């Protein structure tokens, strides 16, 4: 069941990809290639993280609706474990590669912008 008041994950991810491409282009042109690469990596991390989080959410809902309480509890525990894993991978990325932190931060921030854009679009569609 689709609710036009709330943006879909696919819409958020598509908007994020567009915003990320624009940000990478701007940073590559006006800042540096390393900032553009950092932005691309930061955006890629949040896109992958969001897909994994959505999959875990679907798994929790499926386990709860099937009355598989053990699986539901395990699914809920997977969310903080995913967070630790992603944070560890990002730490290794910074520690081993010397990635541009500003660019990476801009790339991560594209997800937040995409969420706001798609939420605004959904709100406008819901009022029309």
N, C-alpha and C. Protein backbone atom coordinates (compact mmCIF):
# COMPACT_ATOMS: atom_id res chain seq x y z
N UNK A 1 0.85 -1.18 0.00
CA UNK A 1 0.00 0.00 0.00
C UNK A 1 0.89 1.24 0.00
N UNK A 2 0.70 2.08 -0.97
CA UNK A 2 1.51 3.28 -1.11
C UNK A 2 0.75 4.47 -0.53
N UNK A 3 1.44 5.24 0.26
CA UNK A 3 0.85 6.44 0.83
C UNK A 3 1.58 7.64 0.24
N UNK A 4 0.84 8.48 -0.47
CA UNK A 4 1.48 9.60 -1.15
C UNK A 4 2.01 10.65 -0.19
N UNK A 5 1.70 10.54 1.10
CA UNK A 5 2.22 11.49 2.07
C UNK A 5 3.66 11.20 2.45
N UNK A 6 4.10 9.99 2.19
CA UNK A 6 5.45 9.58 2.57
C UNK A 6 6.24 9.20 1.33
N UNK A 7 7.48 9.65 1.25
CA UNK A 7 8.28 9.30 0.08
C UNK A 7 8.70 7.84 0.11
N UNK A 8 8.85 7.26 -1.06
CA UNK A 8 9.33 5.88 -1.13
C UNK A 8 10.85 5.88 -1.01
N UNK A 9 11.37 4.75 -0.60
CA UNK A 9 12.82 4.61 -0.49
C UNK A 9 13.45 4.76 -1.87
N UNK A 10 12.81 4.20 -2.88
CA UNK A 10 13.34 4.31 -4.24
C UNK A 10 13.41 5.77 -4.69
N UNK A 11 12.39 6.56 -4.38
CA UNK A 11 12.39 7.97 -4.75
C UNK A 11 13.51 8.73 -4.03
N UNK A 12 13.69 8.43 -2.75
CA UNK A 12 14.77 9.07 -2.00
C UNK A 12 16.12 8.70 -2.60
N UNK A 13 16.31 7.43 -2.91
CA UNK A 13 17.59 6.99 -3.45
C UNK A 13 17.86 7.60 -4.83
N UNK A 14 16.83 7.70 -5.66
CA UNK A 14 17.00 8.30 -6.97
C UNK A 14 17.37 9.79 -6.84
N UNK A 15 16.66 10.49 -5.98
CA UNK A 15 16.96 11.90 -5.75
C UNK A 15 18.37 12.05 -5.19
N UNK A 16 18.75 11.14 -4.29
CA UNK A 16 20.10 11.18 -3.73
C UNK A 16 21.14 10.99 -4.82
N UNK A 17 20.89 10.08 -5.75
CA UNK A 17 21.86 9.84 -6.83
C UNK A 17 22.04 11.09 -7.69
N UNK A 18 20.95 11.78 -7.97
CA UNK A 18 21.02 13.02 -8.76
C UNK A 18 21.79 14.09 -7.99
N UNK A 19 21.45 14.29 -6.73
CA UNK A 19 22.12 15.30 -5.91
C UNK A 19 23.60 14.95 -5.75
N UNK A 20 23.89 13.67 -5.55
CA UNK A 20 25.27 13.22 -5.41
C UNK A 20 26.06 13.50 -6.68
N UNK A 21 25.49 13.21 -7.84
CA UNK A 21 26.18 13.47 -9.11
C UNK A 21 26.48 14.96 -9.27
N UNK A 22 25.52 15.80 -8.91
CA UNK A 22 25.72 17.25 -8.99
C UNK A 22 26.83 17.68 -8.03
N UNK A 23 26.79 17.18 -6.80
CA UNK A 23 27.80 17.54 -5.80
C UNK A 23 29.20 17.08 -6.22
N UNK A 24 29.30 15.87 -6.75
CA UNK A 24 30.60 15.37 -7.23
C UNK A 24 31.12 16.26 -8.34
N UNK A 25 30.25 16.63 -9.26
CA UNK A 25 30.65 17.52 -10.36
C UNK A 25 31.12 18.87 -9.87
N UNK A 26 30.39 19.46 -8.95
CA UNK A 26 30.75 20.77 -8.41
C UNK A 26 32.09 20.69 -7.67
N UNK A 27 32.23 19.69 -6.80
CA UNK A 27 33.48 19.56 -6.05
C UNK A 27 34.66 19.28 -6.98
N UNK A 28 34.44 18.43 -7.98
CA UNK A 28 35.51 18.13 -8.93
C UNK A 28 35.94 19.34 -9.72
N UNK A 29 34.99 20.19 -10.07
CA UNK A 29 35.30 21.38 -10.87
C UNK A 29 35.88 22.51 -10.04
N UNK A 30 35.31 22.76 -8.86
CA UNK A 30 35.67 23.95 -8.11
C UNK A 30 36.55 23.71 -6.89
N UNK A 31 36.65 22.48 -6.41
CA UNK A 31 37.45 22.23 -5.21
C UNK A 31 38.66 21.38 -5.58
N UNK A 32 38.47 20.08 -5.73
CA UNK A 32 39.59 19.20 -6.12
C UNK A 32 39.05 17.82 -6.49
N UNK A 33 39.82 17.09 -7.26
CA UNK A 33 39.41 15.71 -7.57
C UNK A 33 39.31 14.84 -6.32
N UNK A 34 40.17 15.06 -5.34
CA UNK A 34 40.09 14.24 -4.12
C UNK A 34 38.82 14.55 -3.32
N UNK A 35 38.38 15.79 -3.34
CA UNK A 35 37.11 16.13 -2.68
C UNK A 35 35.95 15.47 -3.41
N UNK A 36 36.01 15.44 -4.75
CA UNK A 36 34.96 14.80 -5.53
C UNK A 36 34.92 13.29 -5.25
N UNK A 37 36.10 12.67 -5.16
CA UNK A 37 36.16 11.24 -4.85
C UNK A 37 35.63 10.97 -3.45
N UNK A 38 36.01 11.82 -2.49
CA UNK A 38 35.49 11.68 -1.13
C UNK A 38 33.98 11.80 -1.09
N UNK A 39 33.45 12.74 -1.87
CA UNK A 39 32.00 12.93 -1.95
C UNK A 39 31.33 11.68 -2.53
N UNK A 40 31.90 11.14 -3.59
CA UNK A 40 31.35 9.94 -4.20
C UNK A 40 31.36 8.76 -3.21
N UNK A 41 32.44 8.62 -2.46
CA UNK A 41 32.51 7.55 -1.46
C UNK A 41 31.51 7.77 -0.33
N UNK A 42 31.40 8.99 0.16
CA UNK A 42 30.44 9.29 1.23
C UNK A 42 29.02 9.03 0.79
N UNK A 43 28.68 9.46 -0.43
CA UNK A 43 27.35 9.21 -0.95
C UNK A 43 27.08 7.73 -1.16
N UNK A 44 28.09 7.01 -1.61
CA UNK A 44 27.93 5.57 -1.82
C UNK A 44 27.69 4.84 -0.51
N UNK A 45 28.39 5.27 0.53
CA UNK A 45 28.20 4.64 1.85
C UNK A 45 26.77 4.83 2.34
N UNK A 46 26.23 6.05 2.22
CA UNK A 46 24.87 6.26 2.75
C UNK A 46 23.82 5.58 1.88
N UNK A 47 24.06 5.50 0.57
CA UNK A 47 23.11 4.79 -0.30
C UNK A 47 23.08 3.32 0.08
N UNK A 48 24.25 2.71 0.22
CA UNK A 48 24.31 1.30 0.61
C UNK A 48 23.70 1.09 2.00
N UNK A 49 24.01 1.99 2.91
CA UNK A 49 23.47 1.89 4.27
C UNK A 49 21.95 1.97 4.27
N UNK A 50 21.40 2.86 3.46
CA UNK A 50 19.95 3.02 3.40
C UNK A 50 19.28 1.78 2.82
N UNK A 51 19.88 1.19 1.77
CA UNK A 51 19.34 -0.04 1.20
C UNK A 51 19.36 -1.18 2.22
N UNK A 52 20.45 -1.30 2.94
CA UNK A 52 20.57 -2.36 3.95
C UNK A 52 19.55 -2.14 5.06
N UNK A 53 19.40 -0.90 5.49
CA UNK A 53 18.43 -0.58 6.54
C UNK A 53 17.01 -0.90 6.08
N UNK A 54 16.69 -0.58 4.83
CA UNK A 54 15.36 -0.90 4.29
C UNK A 54 15.13 -2.41 4.26
N UNK A 55 16.15 -3.15 3.85
CA UNK A 55 16.03 -4.61 3.81
C UNK A 55 15.83 -5.18 5.21
N UNK A 56 16.57 -4.65 6.18
CA UNK A 56 16.39 -5.10 7.56
C UNK A 56 14.99 -4.76 8.07
N UNK A 57 14.49 -3.59 7.71
CA UNK A 57 13.14 -3.21 8.11
C UNK A 57 12.10 -4.15 7.53
N UNK A 58 12.25 -4.51 6.25
CA UNK A 58 11.32 -5.46 5.64
C UNK A 58 11.39 -6.82 6.33
N UNK A 59 12.62 -7.23 6.70
CA UNK A 59 12.81 -8.51 7.38
C UNK A 59 12.13 -8.49 8.76
N UNK A 60 12.21 -7.38 9.46
CA UNK A 60 11.57 -7.27 10.77
C UNK A 60 10.05 -7.36 10.63
N UNK A 61 9.51 -6.65 9.66
CA UNK A 61 8.06 -6.66 9.44
C UNK A 61 7.60 -8.06 9.04
N UNK A 62 8.35 -8.72 8.16
CA UNK A 62 7.98 -10.07 7.73
C UNK A 62 8.04 -11.05 8.90
N UNK A 63 9.07 -10.94 9.72
CA UNK A 63 9.20 -11.84 10.87
C UNK A 63 8.09 -11.59 11.88
N UNK A 64 7.75 -10.32 12.09
CA UNK A 64 6.69 -9.99 13.04
C UNK A 64 5.33 -10.47 12.54
N UNK A 65 5.09 -10.33 11.24
CA UNK A 65 3.78 -10.76 10.71
C UNK A 65 3.66 -12.27 10.65
N UNK A 66 4.80 -12.97 10.61
CA UNK A 66 4.77 -14.44 10.59
C UNK A 66 4.84 -15.02 12.00
N UNK A 67 4.76 -14.18 13.01
CA UNK A 67 4.86 -14.58 14.40
C UNK A 67 6.15 -15.34 14.70
N UNK A 68 7.21 -14.96 14.02
CA UNK A 68 8.53 -15.57 14.26
C UNK A 68 9.28 -14.64 15.21
N UNK A 69 8.93 -14.70 16.50
CA UNK A 69 9.47 -13.74 17.46
C UNK A 69 10.98 -13.84 17.59
N UNK A 70 11.54 -15.03 17.48
CA UNK A 70 12.99 -15.18 17.56
C UNK A 70 13.68 -14.49 16.41
N UNK A 71 13.13 -14.65 15.21
CA UNK A 71 13.70 -14.00 14.03
C UNK A 71 13.52 -12.49 14.11
N UNK A 72 12.39 -12.05 14.63
CA UNK A 72 12.14 -10.61 14.77
C UNK A 72 13.15 -9.98 15.72
N UNK A 73 13.42 -10.67 16.83
CA UNK A 73 14.40 -10.15 17.79
C UNK A 73 15.80 -10.11 17.18
N UNK A 74 16.13 -11.15 16.44
CA UNK A 74 17.43 -11.18 15.76
C UNK A 74 17.52 -10.07 14.73
N UNK A 75 16.44 -9.82 14.00
CA UNK A 75 16.42 -8.76 13.00
C UNK A 75 16.63 -7.39 13.64
N UNK A 76 15.98 -7.16 14.76
CA UNK A 76 16.12 -5.89 15.47
C UNK A 76 17.55 -5.72 15.97
N UNK A 77 18.17 -6.79 16.41
CA UNK A 77 19.56 -6.72 16.87
C UNK A 77 20.51 -6.45 15.70
N UNK A 78 20.11 -6.81 14.49
CA UNK A 78 20.97 -6.60 13.32
C UNK A 78 21.14 -5.12 12.99
N UNK A 79 20.18 -4.29 13.35
CA UNK A 79 20.27 -2.86 13.02
C UNK A 79 21.45 -2.19 13.73
N UNK A 80 21.60 -2.31 15.05
CA UNK A 80 22.78 -1.70 15.67
C UNK A 80 24.08 -2.37 15.23
N UNK A 81 24.04 -3.66 14.95
CA UNK A 81 25.24 -4.34 14.47
C UNK A 81 25.65 -3.79 13.10
N UNK A 82 24.67 -3.50 12.26
CA UNK A 82 24.94 -2.89 10.96
C UNK A 82 25.59 -1.53 11.14
N UNK A 83 25.10 -0.77 12.11
CA UNK A 83 25.66 0.56 12.39
C UNK A 83 27.13 0.45 12.80
N UNK A 84 27.44 -0.50 13.67
CA UNK A 84 28.83 -0.70 14.10
C UNK A 84 29.69 -1.12 12.91
N UNK A 85 29.17 -2.00 12.08
CA UNK A 85 29.92 -2.46 10.91
C UNK A 85 30.20 -1.30 9.95
N UNK A 86 29.19 -0.50 9.65
CA UNK A 86 29.38 0.64 8.75
C UNK A 86 30.36 1.64 9.34
N UNK A 87 30.22 1.95 10.63
CA UNK A 87 31.15 2.88 11.27
C UNK A 87 32.57 2.35 11.22
N UNK A 88 32.75 1.06 11.45
CA UNK A 88 34.07 0.46 11.37
C UNK A 88 34.66 0.53 9.97
N UNK A 89 33.84 0.28 8.97
CA UNK A 89 34.30 0.36 7.58
C UNK A 89 34.68 1.79 7.20
N UNK A 90 33.89 2.75 7.66
CA UNK A 90 34.21 4.15 7.38
C UNK A 90 35.52 4.54 8.09
N UNK A 91 35.70 4.09 9.31
CA UNK A 91 36.95 4.35 10.02
C UNK A 91 38.14 3.78 9.24
N UNK A 92 38.02 2.55 8.80
CA UNK A 92 39.11 1.93 8.02
C UNK A 92 39.35 2.69 6.72
N UNK A 93 38.30 3.15 6.10
CA UNK A 93 38.43 3.93 4.88
C UNK A 93 39.26 5.18 5.13
N UNK A 94 38.95 5.88 6.20
CA UNK A 94 39.70 7.10 6.54
C UNK A 94 41.12 6.77 6.97
N UNK A 95 41.30 5.75 7.78
CA UNK A 95 42.61 5.41 8.33
C UNK A 95 43.57 4.90 7.26
N UNK A 96 43.06 4.15 6.30
CA UNK A 96 43.93 3.51 5.30
C UNK A 96 44.12 4.32 4.03
N UNK A 97 43.18 5.17 3.68
CA UNK A 97 43.27 5.82 2.38
C UNK A 97 43.52 7.32 2.44
N UNK A 98 43.29 7.95 3.56
CA UNK A 98 43.45 9.40 3.63
C UNK A 98 42.43 10.14 2.78
N UNK A 99 41.22 9.63 2.77
CA UNK A 99 40.14 10.21 1.96
C UNK A 99 39.86 11.65 2.40
N UNK A 100 39.43 12.47 1.48
CA UNK A 100 39.10 13.86 1.76
C UNK A 100 37.85 13.91 2.65
N UNK A 101 38.01 14.38 3.87
CA UNK A 101 36.91 14.39 4.84
C UNK A 101 35.80 15.35 4.48
N UNK A 102 36.15 16.51 3.94
CA UNK A 102 35.12 17.47 3.55
C UNK A 102 34.25 16.90 2.43
N UNK A 103 34.89 16.33 1.43
CA UNK A 103 34.15 15.72 0.34
C UNK A 103 33.27 14.58 0.83
N UNK A 104 33.83 13.75 1.71
CA UNK A 104 33.07 12.63 2.26
C UNK A 104 31.84 13.14 3.00
N UNK A 105 32.01 14.18 3.80
CA UNK A 105 30.89 14.76 4.54
C UNK A 105 29.81 15.30 3.62
N UNK A 106 30.22 15.96 2.53
CA UNK A 106 29.25 16.46 1.56
C UNK A 106 28.49 15.29 0.95
N UNK A 107 29.20 14.22 0.61
CA UNK A 107 28.54 13.04 0.05
C UNK A 107 27.53 12.42 1.01
N UNK A 108 27.88 12.36 2.26
CA UNK A 108 26.95 11.82 3.27
C UNK A 108 25.74 12.73 3.41
N UNK A 109 25.96 14.03 3.34
CA UNK A 109 24.87 14.99 3.52
C UNK A 109 23.87 14.96 2.37
N UNK A 110 24.26 14.43 1.21
CA UNK A 110 23.31 14.37 0.09
C UNK A 110 22.09 13.53 0.43
N UNK A 111 22.26 12.52 1.27
CA UNK A 111 21.11 11.68 1.68
C UNK A 111 20.10 12.51 2.46
N UNK A 112 20.57 13.35 3.36
CA UNK A 112 19.67 14.19 4.15
C UNK A 112 18.92 15.16 3.25
N UNK A 113 19.63 15.75 2.31
CA UNK A 113 18.98 16.67 1.37
C UNK A 113 17.92 15.93 0.56
N UNK A 114 18.25 14.73 0.09
CA UNK A 114 17.30 13.95 -0.70
C UNK A 114 16.05 13.61 0.11
N UNK A 115 16.22 13.29 1.37
CA UNK A 115 15.07 12.99 2.23
C UNK A 115 14.17 14.22 2.36
N UNK A 116 14.77 15.39 2.59
CA UNK A 116 13.98 16.62 2.70
C UNK A 116 13.27 16.94 1.38
N UNK A 117 13.96 16.80 0.26
CA UNK A 117 13.36 17.08 -1.04
C UNK A 117 12.18 16.15 -1.29
N UNK A 118 12.37 14.86 -1.09
CA UNK A 118 11.29 13.91 -1.36
C UNK A 118 10.14 14.04 -0.36
N UNK A 119 10.44 14.37 0.88
CA UNK A 119 9.36 14.60 1.85
C UNK A 119 8.55 15.82 1.45
N UNK A 120 9.23 16.86 1.00
CA UNK A 120 8.53 18.06 0.51
C UNK A 120 7.66 17.75 -0.70
N UNK A 121 8.21 16.99 -1.64
CA UNK A 121 7.43 16.60 -2.82
C UNK A 121 6.20 15.79 -2.44
N UNK A 122 6.37 14.87 -1.50
CA UNK A 122 5.22 14.05 -1.05
C UNK A 122 4.18 14.90 -0.37
N UNK A 123 4.61 15.87 0.42
CA UNK A 123 3.66 16.74 1.10
C UNK A 123 2.89 17.58 0.09
N UNK A 124 3.57 18.05 -0.94
CA UNK A 124 2.89 18.84 -1.97
C UNK A 124 1.89 17.97 -2.72
N UNK A 125 2.28 16.74 -3.06
CA UNK A 125 1.35 15.82 -3.75
C UNK A 125 0.13 15.51 -2.88
N UNK A 126 0.34 15.37 -1.58
CA UNK A 126 -0.76 15.01 -0.68
C UNK A 126 -1.77 16.16 -0.55
N UNK A 127 -1.30 17.39 -0.70
CA UNK A 127 -2.24 18.52 -0.56
C UNK A 127 -2.98 18.83 -1.85
N UNK A 128 -2.50 18.29 -2.97
CA UNK A 128 -3.16 18.56 -4.26
C UNK A 128 -4.20 17.52 -4.57
